[in-house]
Amino acid sequence: MINSRHLLGIKELSPEEIYHILDTAAGFRDVLNRDIKKVPPLRGKTVVSLFFEPSTRTKTSFALAAKRLSADFVNFSVSTSSVLKGETIKDTALTIQSLGADFVVIRHASSGVPHFLSNLVDMSVINAGDGANEHPTQALLDLFTIQSHKKDFKELAVAIIGDVAHSRVAKSNIYALTKLGAKVRLIAPPTLMPAEIAKLGVDVFHSIEEGVRKADVVMTLRLQLERQSKGFLPSLKEYFKLYGLTAERLKLAKKDAIVMHPGPMNRGVEIASTVADGPQSVILEQVTNGIAVRMAVLYLLAGVKK
């Protein structure tokens, strides 16, 4: 059972709540394998997406999840809305609620916006990414994907490579994996590694070779160039030379290690195409699993008494 009507971050979830979401997602993954991929639990409910930043995977995944559960899905276009006329995000959210929405899925460039709205509205707020803070459903689908290959998280060595400083995916995965007993290794140049990140119970590496050695899971992160000021990296070519996941570097991990990426990928920058398309890659599987996980989140939040 989820003990809140909102999903604001992994930080607020207990290990039991995380496992409950994963178990529920497993049932919905079976639904997605049927010829008729639709079930009725959310018939009559309305899910609205409110994205102030670009998205392909997350927005489409939530749309499909809502429709698979028989809910109505409305895409609120910020670029053509009254936001451009000066309307506050508070008034926008209250307007959406007044139109009868039951869920709002929000992405915003500023950290804490979903938390702010959760105190103002009666509908369920789902965080689809807030600044460099969290992206909880991405971490949940990552966990679901790992679980389908590795079964147990205890003592699992998970290497996360890249722009840790600006990555909300990294933050949510750190919270999730450490809660479930995995051993998280963070690999990045010093300029992209938060100074006190080790306090979260992770191991810090500045050498990709050392960090991926004997890892069970290797996850590369997208460089958040839109959040970076100049001076973090000498060049993208130099970054790939020092931190790109190549076939040779992947050989240092365990033979049965899986390769993950939250997308969108920058091939030849964070990851080589031979690795992204290779036999150890589960990147497209992550995308498919995202629908099942988001179905589980919507379904479970709908069952929490308002």
C-alpha atoms as a PDB file:
ATOM      1  CA  MET A   1       0.000   0.000   0.000  1.00  0.00           C
ATOM      2  CA  ILE A   2       1.175   3.540  -0.795  1.00  0.00           C
ATOM      3  CA  ASN A   3       0.590   5.756   2.232  1.00  0.00           C
ATOM      4  CA  SER A   4       0.172   8.997   0.294  1.00  0.00           C
ATOM      5  CA  ARG A   5      -2.139  10.150  -2.483  1.00  0.00           C
ATOM      6  CA  HIS A   6       0.875  11.744  -4.199  1.00  0.00           C
ATOM      7  CA  LEU A   7       4.145  10.426  -5.648  1.00  0.00           C
ATOM      8  CA  LEU A   8       6.597  13.260  -5.058  1.00  0.00           C
ATOM      9  CA  GLY A   9       9.874  11.384  -4.730  1.00  0.00           C
ATOM     10  CA  ILE A  10      11.589   8.141  -3.822  1.00  0.00           C
ATOM     11  CA  LYS A  11      12.956   9.833  -0.724  1.00  0.00           C
ATOM     12  CA  GLU A  12       9.475   9.715   0.826  1.00  0.00           C
ATOM     13  CA  LEU A  13       8.847   6.020   0.082  1.00  0.00           C
ATOM     14  CA  SER A  14       9.617   3.099   2.385  1.00  0.00           C
ATOM     15  CA  PRO A  15      11.216  -0.108   1.045  1.00  0.00           C
ATOM     16  CA  GLU A  16       7.847  -1.824   1.556  1.00  0.00           C
ATOM     17  CA  GLU A  17       6.066   0.777  -0.586  1.00  0.00           C
ATOM     18  CA  ILE A  18       8.705   0.436  -3.307  1.00  0.00           C
ATOM     19  CA  TYR A  19       8.330  -3.352  -3.413  1.00  0.00           C
ATOM     20  CA  HIS A  20       4.536  -3.004  -3.471  1.00  0.00           C
ATOM     21  CA  ILE A  21       4.771  -0.771  -6.550  1.00  0.00           C
ATOM     22  CA  LEU A  22       7.140  -3.240  -8.246  1.00  0.00           C
ATOM     23  CA  ASP A  23       4.861  -6.193  -7.452  1.00  0.00           C
ATOM     24  CA  THR A  24       1.867  -4.315  -8.841  1.00  0.00           C
ATOM     25  CA  ALA A  25       3.833  -3.370 -11.967  1.00  0.00           C
ATOM     26  CA  ALA A  26       4.587  -7.055 -12.575  1.00  0.00           C
ATOM     27  CA  GLY A  27       0.861  -7.734 -12.871  1.00  0.00           C
ATOM     28  CA  PHE A  28       0.417  -4.886 -15.332  1.00  0.00           C
ATOM     29  CA  ARG A  29       3.399  -6.046 -17.360  1.00  0.00           C
ATOM     30  CA  ASP A  30       1.410  -9.240 -17.973  1.00  0.00           C
ATOM     31  CA  VAL A  31      -1.513  -7.091 -19.173  1.00  0.00           C
ATOM     32  CA  LEU A  32       0.753  -5.405 -21.717  1.00  0.00           C
ATOM     33  CA  ASN A  33       1.616  -8.807 -23.173  1.00  0.00           C
ATOM     34  CA  ARG A  34      -2.026  -9.582 -23.961  1.00  0.00           C
ATOM     35  CA  ASP A  35      -3.708  -9.040 -27.315  1.00  0.00           C
ATOM     36  CA  ILE A  36      -6.119  -6.619 -25.634  1.00  0.00           C
ATOM     37  CA  LYS A  37      -3.935  -4.343 -23.505  1.00  0.00           C
ATOM     38  CA  LYS A  38      -6.673  -2.536 -21.612  1.00  0.00           C
ATOM     39  CA  VAL A  39      -8.203  -2.985 -18.152  1.00  0.00           C
ATOM     40  CA  PRO A  40     -10.970  -0.901 -16.479  1.00  0.00           C
ATOM     41  CA  PRO A  41      -9.713   0.197 -12.998  1.00  0.00           C
ATOM     42  CA  LEU A  42      -9.526   3.935 -13.786  1.00  0.00           C
ATOM     43  CA  ARG A  43     -12.578   4.237 -16.003  1.00  0.00           C
ATOM     44  CA  GLY A  44     -14.090   7.679 -15.435  1.00  0.00           C
ATOM     45  CA  LYS A  45     -10.830   9.147 -14.068  1.00  0.00           C
ATOM     46  CA  THR A  46      -8.860  11.914 -15.790  1.00  0.00           C
ATOM     47  CA  VAL A  47      -5.077  12.253 -15.912  1.00  0.00           C
ATOM     48  CA  VAL A  48      -3.599  15.589 -17.010  1.00  0.00           C
ATOM     49  CA  SER A  49       0.023  16.085 -17.998  1.00  0.00           C
ATOM     50  CA  LEU A  50       1.565  19.457 -17.158  1.00  0.00           C
ATOM     51  CA  PHE A  51       5.079  19.532 -18.614  1.00  0.00           C
ATOM     52  CA  PHE A  52       7.115  22.728 -18.463  1.00  0.00           C
ATOM     53  CA  GLU A  53      10.134  20.909 -19.949  1.00  0.00           C
ATOM     54  CA  PRO A  54      10.446  18.731 -23.070  1.00  0.00           C
ATOM     55  CA  SER A  55       9.679  15.030 -22.795  1.00  0.00           C
ATOM     56  CA  THR A  56       9.134  12.118 -25.146  1.00  0.00           C
ATOM     57  CA  ARG A  57       9.423   8.923 -23.121  1.00  0.00           C
ATOM     58  CA  THR A  58       7.900  10.001 -19.833  1.00  0.00           C
ATOM     59  CA  LYS A  59       4.910  11.897 -21.245  1.00  0.00           C
ATOM     60  CA  THR A  60       4.084   9.199 -23.801  1.00  0.00           C
ATOM     61  CA  SER A  61       4.549   6.485 -21.192  1.00  0.00           C
ATOM     62  CA  PHE A  62       2.107   8.168 -18.790  1.00  0.00           C
ATOM     63  CA  ALA A  63      -0.370   8.684 -21.624  1.00  0.00           C
ATOM     64  CA  LEU A  64      -0.282   5.009 -22.559  1.00  0.00           C
ATOM     65  CA  ALA A  65      -0.433   3.958 -18.905  1.00  0.00           C
ATOM     66  CA  ALA A  66      -3.553   6.058 -18.327  1.00  0.00           C
ATOM     67  CA  LYS A  67      -5.261   4.771 -21.462  1.00  0.00           C
ATOM     68  CA  ARG A  68      -4.385   1.139 -20.665  1.00  0.00           C
ATOM     69  CA  LEU A  69      -6.202   1.666 -17.343  1.00  0.00           C
ATOM     70  CA  SER A  70      -9.207   3.160 -19.216  1.00  0.00           C
ATOM     71  CA  ALA A  71      -8.635   6.695 -17.877  1.00  0.00           C
ATOM     72  CA  ASP A  72      -8.921   9.838 -19.993  1.00  0.00           C
ATOM     73  CA  PHE A  73      -5.573  11.513 -20.671  1.00  0.00           C
ATOM     74  CA  VAL A  74      -5.310  15.237 -21.395  1.00  0.00           C
ATOM     75  CA  ASN A  75      -2.073  16.818 -22.546  1.00  0.00           C
ATOM     76  CA  PHE A  76      -1.968  20.383 -21.194  1.00  0.00           C
ATOM     77  CA  SER A  77       0.146  22.371 -23.637  1.00  0.00           C
ATOM     78  CA  VAL A  78       2.117  24.956 -21.663  1.00  0.00           C
ATOM     79  CA  SER A  79       3.372  26.623 -24.853  1.00  0.00           C
ATOM     80  CA  THR A  80      -0.204  27.582 -25.854  1.00  0.00           C
ATOM     81  CA  SER A  81      -1.654  28.110 -22.373  1.00  0.00           C
ATOM     82  CA  SER A  82      -2.385  31.120 -20.174  1.00  0.00           C
ATOM     83  CA  VAL A  83       1.020  30.553 -18.525  1.00  0.00           C
ATOM     84  CA  LEU A  84       2.424  32.657 -21.369  1.00  0.00           C
ATOM     85  CA  LYS A  85       0.007  35.418 -20.365  1.00  0.00           C
ATOM     86  CA  GLY A  86       1.387  35.502 -16.838  1.00  0.00           C
ATOM     87  CA  GLU A  87      -0.820  32.960 -15.066  1.00  0.00           C
ATOM     88  CA  THR A  88       0.885  31.439 -12.027  1.00  0.00           C
ATOM     89  CA  ILE A  89       1.499  27.720 -11.750  1.00  0.00           C
ATOM     90  CA  LYS A  90      -0.806  27.713  -8.710  1.00  0.00           C
ATOM     91  CA  ASP A  91      -3.706  29.125 -10.713  1.00  0.00           C
ATOM     92  CA  THR A  92      -2.964  26.793 -13.608  1.00  0.00           C
ATOM     93  CA  ALA A  93      -3.100  23.769 -11.300  1.00  0.00           C
ATOM     94  CA  LEU A  94      -6.307  24.949  -9.621  1.00  0.00           C
ATOM     95  CA  THR A  95      -7.865  25.508 -13.040  1.00  0.00           C
ATOM     96  CA  ILE A  96      -6.970  21.963 -14.090  1.00  0.00           C
ATOM     97  CA  GLN A  97      -8.489  20.654 -10.869  1.00  0.00           C
ATOM     98  CA  SER A  98     -11.674  22.663 -11.453  1.00  0.00           C
ATOM     99  CA  LEU A  99     -11.999  21.036 -14.864  1.00  0.00           C
ATOM    100  CA  GLY A 100     -12.332  17.691 -13.090  1.00  0.00           C
ATOM    101  CA  ALA A 101      -8.853  16.172 -13.208  1.00  0.00           C
ATOM    102  CA  ASP A 102      -8.051  13.391 -10.734  1.00  0.00           C
ATOM    103  CA  PHE A 103      -4.287  13.278 -11.371  1.00  0.00           C
ATOM    104  CA  VAL A 104      -1.760  15.837 -12.541  1.00  0.00           C
ATOM    105  CA  VAL A 105       1.598  14.596 -13.819  1.00  0.00           C
ATOM    106  CA  ILE A 106       4.027  17.501 -13.618  1.00  0.00           C
ATOM    107  CA  ARG A 107       7.524  18.188 -14.891  1.00  0.00           C
ATOM    108  CA  HIS A 108       9.192  21.485 -14.059  1.00  0.00           C
ATOM    109  CA  ALA A 109      12.678  22.981 -14.223  1.00  0.00           C
ATOM    110  CA  SER A 110      12.500  24.113 -10.597  1.00  0.00           C
ATOM    111  CA  SER A 111      13.024  21.659  -7.750  1.00  0.00           C
ATOM    112  CA  GLY A 112      10.132  21.354  -5.316  1.00  0.00           C
ATOM    113  CA  VAL A 113       7.267  22.426  -7.602  1.00  0.00           C
ATOM    114  CA  PRO A 114       5.373  19.088  -7.263  1.00  0.00           C
ATOM    115  CA  HIS A 115       5.691  19.328  -3.473  1.00  0.00           C
ATOM    116  CA  PHE A 116       4.385  22.908  -3.585  1.00  0.00           C
ATOM    117  CA  LEU A 117       1.342  21.915  -5.649  1.00  0.00           C
ATOM    118  CA  SER A 118       0.566  18.882  -3.488  1.00  0.00           C
ATOM    119  CA  ASN A 119      -0.276  21.262  -0.633  1.00  0.00           C
ATOM    120  CA  LEU A 120      -2.680  23.271  -2.794  1.00  0.00           C
ATOM    121  CA  VAL A 121      -4.790  20.745  -4.714  1.00  0.00           C
ATOM    122  CA  ASP A 122      -7.057  17.814  -3.974  1.00  0.00           C
ATOM    123  CA  MET A 123      -5.980  15.770  -7.003  1.00  0.00           C
ATOM    124  CA  SER A 124      -3.041  13.364  -6.887  1.00  0.00           C
ATOM    125  CA  VAL A 125       0.259  14.969  -7.896  1.00  0.00           C
ATOM    126  CA  ILE A 126       2.861  12.802  -9.623  1.00  0.00           C
ATOM    127  CA  ASN A 127       6.382  14.130 -10.010  1.00  0.00           C
ATOM    128  CA  ALA A 128       7.648  13.514 -13.552  1.00  0.00           C
ATOM    129  CA  GLY A 129      10.910  15.350 -12.839  1.00  0.00           C
ATOM    130  CA  ASP A 130      11.580  18.514 -10.841  1.00  0.00           C
ATOM    131  CA  GLY A 131      14.772  20.323 -11.664  1.00  0.00           C
ATOM    132  CA  ALA A 132      17.844  18.406 -10.524  1.00  0.00           C
ATOM    133  CA  ASN A 133      15.934  16.962  -7.564  1.00  0.00           C
ATOM    134  CA  GLU A 134      14.061  13.728  -8.388  1.00  0.00           C
ATOM    135  CA  HIS A 135      12.423  11.650 -11.115  1.00  0.00           C
ATOM    136  CA  PRO A 136      10.721   8.908  -9.087  1.00  0.00           C
ATOM    137  CA  THR A 137       8.964   6.903 -11.793  1.00  0.00           C
ATOM    138  CA  GLN A 138      12.228   6.634 -13.760  1.00  0.00           C
ATOM    139  CA  ALA A 139      13.933   5.123 -10.719  1.00  0.00           C
ATOM    140  CA  LEU A 140      10.991   2.756 -10.196  1.00  0.00           C
ATOM    141  CA  LEU A 141      11.114   1.506 -13.787  1.00  0.00           C
ATOM    142  CA  ASP A 142      14.878   1.121 -13.449  1.00  0.00           C
ATOM    143  CA  LEU A 143      14.353  -0.986 -10.310  1.00  0.00           C
ATOM    144  CA  PHE A 144      11.702  -3.039 -12.077  1.00  0.00           C
ATOM    145  CA  THR A 145      14.085  -3.699 -14.973  1.00  0.00           C
ATOM    146  CA  ILE A 146      16.945  -4.643 -12.660  1.00  0.00           C
ATOM    147  CA  GLN A 147      14.679  -6.930 -10.648  1.00  0.00           C
ATOM    148  CA  SER A 148      13.603  -8.812 -13.766  1.00  0.00           C
ATOM    149  CA  HIS A 149      17.239  -9.689 -14.462  1.00  0.00           C
ATOM    150  CA  LYS A 150      18.908  -9.812 -11.048  1.00  0.00           C
ATOM    151  CA  LYS A 151      16.024 -10.792  -8.708  1.00  0.00           C
ATOM    152  CA  ASP A 152      17.605  -9.541  -5.481  1.00  0.00           C
ATOM    153  CA  PHE A 153      18.949  -6.063  -4.738  1.00  0.00           C
ATOM    154  CA  LYS A 154      20.946  -7.050  -1.668  1.00  0.00           C
ATOM    155  CA  GLU A 155      24.677  -6.396  -2.230  1.00  0.00           C
ATOM    156  CA  LEU A 156      24.068  -5.785  -5.953  1.00  0.00           C
ATOM    157  CA  ALA A 157      26.837  -3.588  -7.381  1.00  0.00           C
ATOM    158  CA  VAL A 158      25.294  -0.807  -9.457  1.00  0.00           C
ATOM    159  CA  ALA A 159      27.620   1.616 -11.261  1.00  0.00           C
ATOM    160  CA  ILE A 160      26.095   4.961 -12.305  1.00  0.00           C
ATOM    161  CA  ILE A 161      28.247   6.953 -14.728  1.00  0.00           C
ATOM    162  CA  GLY A 162      27.960  10.566 -15.779  1.00  0.00           C
ATOM    163  CA  ASP A 163      26.485  13.905 -14.815  1.00  0.00           C
ATOM    164  CA  VAL A 164      25.530  13.046 -11.241  1.00  0.00           C
ATOM    165  CA  ALA A 165      25.514  16.696 -10.148  1.00  0.00           C
ATOM    166  CA  HIS A 166      22.645  17.693 -12.441  1.00  0.00           C
ATOM    167  CA  SER A 167      20.782  14.380 -12.725  1.00  0.00           C
ATOM    168  CA  ARG A 168      17.424  13.881 -11.016  1.00  0.00           C
ATOM    169  CA  VAL A 169      17.510  10.290 -12.280  1.00  0.00           C
ATOM    170  CA  ALA A 170      20.724   9.696 -10.340  1.00  0.00           C
ATOM    171  CA  LYS A 171      19.247  11.156  -7.146  1.00  0.00           C
ATOM    172  CA  SER A 172      16.119   8.991  -7.287  1.00  0.00           C
ATOM    173  CA  ASN A 173      18.114   5.873  -8.120  1.00  0.00           C
ATOM    174  CA  ILE A 174      20.509   6.498  -5.236  1.00  0.00           C
ATOM    175  CA  TYR A 175      17.604   6.792  -2.791  1.00  0.00           C
ATOM    176  CA  ALA A 176      15.876   3.709  -4.227  1.00  0.00           C
ATOM    177  CA  LEU A 177      18.836   1.381  -4.574  1.00  0.00           C
ATOM    178  CA  THR A 178      20.349   2.143  -1.172  1.00  0.00           C
ATOM    179  CA  LYS A 179      16.956   1.636   0.506  1.00  0.00           C
ATOM    180  CA  LEU A 180      16.830  -1.859  -1.015  1.00  0.00           C
ATOM    181  CA  GLY A 181      20.375  -2.815  -0.040  1.00  0.00           C
ATOM    182  CA  ALA A 182      22.288  -2.347  -3.292  1.00  0.00           C
ATOM    183  CA  LYS A 183      25.843  -1.026  -3.364  1.00  0.00           C
ATOM    184  CA  VAL A 184      25.860   2.124  -5.487  1.00  0.00           C
ATOM    185  CA  ARG A 185      29.010   3.380  -7.199  1.00  0.00           C
ATOM    186  CA  LEU A 186      29.008   6.867  -8.701  1.00  0.00           C
ATOM    187  CA  ILE A 187      31.480   7.595 -11.490  1.00  0.00           C
ATOM    188  CA  ALA A 188      32.038  11.106 -12.828  1.00  0.00           C
ATOM    189  CA  PRO A 189      34.653  13.810 -13.289  1.00  0.00           C
ATOM    190  CA  PRO A 190      35.071  15.951 -10.150  1.00  0.00           C
ATOM    191  CA  THR A 191      33.206  18.841 -11.816  1.00  0.00           C
ATOM    192  CA  LEU A 192      30.082  16.682 -12.220  1.00  0.00           C
ATOM    193  CA  MET A 193      30.170  15.017  -8.792  1.00  0.00           C
ATOM    194  CA  PRO A 194      28.440  16.735  -5.825  1.00  0.00           C
ATOM    195  CA  ALA A 195      30.940  17.404  -3.048  1.00  0.00           C
ATOM    196  CA  GLU A 196      29.146  15.574  -0.227  1.00  0.00           C
ATOM    197  CA  ILE A 197      27.287  12.903  -2.195  1.00  0.00           C
ATOM    198  CA  ALA A 198      29.125  10.109  -0.326  1.00  0.00           C
ATOM    199  CA  LYS A 199      26.990  10.955   2.718  1.00  0.00           C
ATOM    200  CA  LEU A 200      24.107   9.213   0.932  1.00  0.00           C
ATOM    201  CA  GLY A 201      25.871   5.879   1.403  1.00  0.00           C
ATOM    202  CA  VAL A 202      27.486   5.562  -2.029  1.00  0.00           C
ATOM    203  CA  ASP A 203      31.040   4.994  -3.226  1.00  0.00           C
ATOM    204  CA  VAL A 204      32.600   7.711  -5.381  1.00  0.00           C
ATOM    205  CA  PHE A 205      34.967   7.059  -8.295  1.00  0.00           C
ATOM    206  CA  HIS A 206      36.607   9.382 -10.790  1.00  0.00           C
ATOM    207  CA  SER A 207      37.938   6.503 -12.912  1.00  0.00           C
ATOM    208  CA  ILE A 208      35.377   4.636 -15.014  1.00  0.00           C
ATOM    209  CA  GLU A 209      37.627   1.583 -15.163  1.00  0.00           C
ATOM    210  CA  GLU A 210      37.747   1.291 -11.378  1.00  0.00           C
ATOM    211  CA  GLY A 211      34.063   2.051 -10.953  1.00  0.00           C
ATOM    212  CA  VAL A 212      32.640  -0.507 -13.393  1.00  0.00           C
ATOM    213  CA  ARG A 213      34.950  -3.361 -12.375  1.00  0.00           C
ATOM    214  CA  LYS A 214      32.824  -6.379 -11.307  1.00  0.00           C
ATOM    215  CA  ALA A 215      29.612  -4.356 -11.460  1.00  0.00           C
ATOM    216  CA  ASP A 216      26.271  -6.176 -11.857  1.00  0.00           C
ATOM    217  CA  VAL A 217      24.534  -3.192 -13.417  1.00  0.00           C
ATOM    218  CA  VAL A 218      26.076  -0.354 -15.427  1.00  0.00           C
ATOM    219  CA  MET A 219      23.924   2.739 -15.920  1.00  0.00           C
ATOM    220  CA  THR A 220      25.031   5.721 -17.954  1.00  0.00           C
ATOM    221  CA  LEU A 221      23.420   9.131 -17.547  1.00  0.00           C
ATOM    222  CA  ARG A 222      22.677  11.777 -20.144  1.00  0.00           C
ATOM    223  CA  LEU A 223      24.866  14.850 -19.896  1.00  0.00           C
ATOM    224  CA  GLN A 224      22.513  17.592 -18.677  1.00  0.00           C
ATOM    225  CA  LEU A 225      24.015  20.256 -20.914  1.00  0.00           C
ATOM    226  CA  GLU A 226      20.947  22.490 -20.512  1.00  0.00           C
ATOM    227  CA  ARG A 227      21.592  22.653 -16.747  1.00  0.00           C
ATOM    228  CA  GLN A 228      25.344  23.184 -16.994  1.00  0.00           C
ATOM    229  CA  SER A 229      27.221  26.435 -17.227  1.00  0.00           C
ATOM    230  CA  LYS A 230      30.439  26.569 -19.203  1.00  0.00           C
ATOM    231  CA  GLY A 231      33.592  25.003 -17.795  1.00  0.00           C
ATOM    232  CA  PHE A 232      32.318  21.635 -16.528  1.00  0.00           C
ATOM    233  CA  LEU A 233      33.901  19.745 -19.442  1.00  0.00           C
ATOM    234  CA  PRO A 234      36.720  20.527 -21.876  1.00  0.00           C
ATOM    235  CA  SER A 235      34.715  18.966 -24.741  1.00  0.00           C
ATOM    236  CA  LEU A 236      32.210  16.191 -25.463  1.00  0.00           C
ATOM    237  CA  LYS A 237      34.936  14.301 -27.321  1.00  0.00           C
ATOM    238  CA  GLU A 238      37.165  14.425 -24.248  1.00  0.00           C
ATOM    239  CA  TYR A 239      34.268  13.301 -22.037  1.00  0.00           C
ATOM    240  CA  PHE A 240      33.669  10.217 -24.181  1.00  0.00           C
ATOM    241  CA  LYS A 241      37.385   9.451 -24.154  1.00  0.00           C
ATOM    242  CA  LEU A 242      37.479   9.467 -20.344  1.00  0.00           C
ATOM    243  CA  TYR A 243      33.952   8.444 -19.290  1.00  0.00           C
ATOM    244  CA  GLY A 244      32.129   6.983 -22.287  1.00  0.00           C
ATOM    245  CA  LEU A 245      30.882   3.408 -21.873  1.00  0.00           C
ATOM    246  CA  THR A 246      32.670   1.401 -24.530  1.00  0.00           C
ATOM    247  CA  ALA A 247      32.744  -2.338 -25.201  1.00  0.00           C
ATOM    248  CA  GLU A 248      36.245  -2.550 -23.729  1.00  0.00           C
ATOM    249  CA  ARG A 249      35.198  -0.857 -20.498  1.00  0.00           C
ATOM    250  CA  LEU A 250      32.067  -2.987 -20.239  1.00  0.00           C
ATOM    251  CA  LYS A 251      34.288  -6.094 -20.229  1.00  0.00           C
ATOM    252  CA  LEU A 252      35.510  -4.995 -16.789  1.00  0.00           C
ATOM    253  CA  ALA A 253      32.015  -5.513 -15.366  1.00  0.00           C
ATOM    254  CA  LYS A 254      30.607  -8.955 -14.660  1.00  0.00           C
ATOM    255  CA  LYS A 255      29.895 -11.085 -17.705  1.00  0.00           C
ATOM    256  CA  ASP A 256      26.175 -11.014 -17.008  1.00  0.00           C
ATOM    257  CA  ALA A 257      26.068  -7.266 -16.240  1.00  0.00           C
ATOM    258  CA  ILE A 258      23.194  -5.335 -17.785  1.00  0.00           C
ATOM    259  CA  VAL A 259      23.537  -1.898 -19.407  1.00  0.00           C
ATOM    260  CA  MET A 260      20.972   0.826 -18.738  1.00  0.00           C
ATOM    261  CA  HIS A 261      20.331   4.417 -19.813  1.00  0.00           C
ATOM    262  CA  PRO A 262      17.352   6.629 -18.868  1.00  0.00           C
ATOM    263  CA  GLY A 263      17.341   8.270 -22.300  1.00  0.00           C
ATOM    264  CA  PRO A 264      17.530  10.148 -24.472  1.00  0.00           C
ATOM    265  CA  MET A 265      20.970   8.794 -25.367  1.00  0.00           C
ATOM    266  CA  ASN A 266      23.812  10.798 -26.835  1.00  0.00           C
ATOM    267  CA  ARG A 267      25.637   8.091 -28.766  1.00  0.00           C
ATOM    268  CA  GLY A 268      29.360   8.621 -28.927  1.00  0.00           C
ATOM    269  CA  VAL A 269      29.214  10.912 -25.887  1.00  0.00           C
ATOM    270  CA  GLU A 270      27.908   8.824 -22.954  1.00  0.00           C
ATOM    271  CA  ILE A 271      27.755   5.432 -24.601  1.00  0.00           C
ATOM    272  CA  ALA A 272      29.090   3.707 -27.695  1.00  0.00           C
ATOM    273  CA  SER A 273      26.511   2.411 -30.185  1.00  0.00           C
ATOM    274  CA  THR A 274      28.014  -1.067 -29.973  1.00  0.00           C
ATOM    275  CA  VAL A 275      27.134  -1.108 -26.263  1.00  0.00           C
ATOM    276  CA  ALA A 276      23.745   0.613 -26.577  1.00  0.00           C
ATOM    277  CA  ASP A 277      22.669  -1.920 -29.198  1.00  0.00           C
ATOM    278  CA  GLY A 278      24.595  -4.854 -27.725  1.00  0.00           C
ATOM    279  CA  PRO A 279      23.343  -8.042 -26.076  1.00  0.00           C
ATOM    280  CA  GLN A 280      23.750  -6.688 -22.535  1.00  0.00           C
ATOM    281  CA  SER A 281      21.665  -3.588 -23.183  1.00  0.00           C
ATOM    282  CA  VAL A 282      18.189  -3.429 -21.598  1.00  0.00           C
ATOM    283  CA  ILE A 283      17.566   0.186 -22.626  1.00  0.00           C
ATOM    284  CA  LEU A 284      14.491  -0.506 -24.764  1.00  0.00           C
ATOM    285  CA  GLU A 285      13.202  -2.850 -22.082  1.00  0.00           C
ATOM    286  CA  GLN A 286      13.341   0.080 -19.660  1.00  0.00           C
ATOM    287  CA  VAL A 287      11.019   2.034 -21.953  1.00  0.00           C
ATOM    288  CA  THR A 288       8.485  -0.804 -22.090  1.00  0.00           C
ATOM    289  CA  ASN A 289       8.680  -1.340 -18.336  1.00  0.00           C
ATOM    290  CA  GLY A 290       7.948   2.334 -17.827  1.00  0.00           C
ATOM    291  CA  ILE A 291       4.353   1.828 -18.954  1.00  0.00           C
ATOM    292  CA  ALA A 292       3.748  -0.997 -16.468  1.00  0.00           C
ATOM    293  CA  VAL A 293       5.334   0.944 -13.607  1.00  0.00           C
ATOM    294  CA  ARG A 294       3.322   4.082 -14.333  1.00  0.00           C
ATOM    295  CA  MET A 295       0.156   1.993 -14.570  1.00  0.00           C
ATOM    296  CA  ALA A 296       0.990   0.656 -11.107  1.00  0.00           C
ATOM    297  CA  VAL A 297       1.556   4.163  -9.716  1.00  0.00           C
ATOM    298  CA  LEU A 298      -1.742   5.505 -11.083  1.00  0.00           C
ATOM    299  CA  TYR A 299      -3.647   2.437  -9.922  1.00  0.00           C
ATOM    300  CA  LEU A 300      -2.219   2.526  -6.387  1.00  0.00           C
ATOM    301  CA  LEU A 301      -2.658   6.280  -5.940  1.00  0.00           C
ATOM    302  CA  ALA A 302      -6.269   5.971  -7.062  1.00  0.00           C
ATOM    303  CA  GLY A 303      -6.825   3.587  -4.164  1.00  0.00           C
ATOM    304  CA  VAL A 304      -5.597   6.030  -1.513  1.00  0.00           C
ATOM    305  CA  LYS A 305      -8.496   7.798   0.219  1.00  0.00           C
ATOM    306  CA  LYS A 306      -8.498  11.513  -0.488  1.00  0.00           C
END
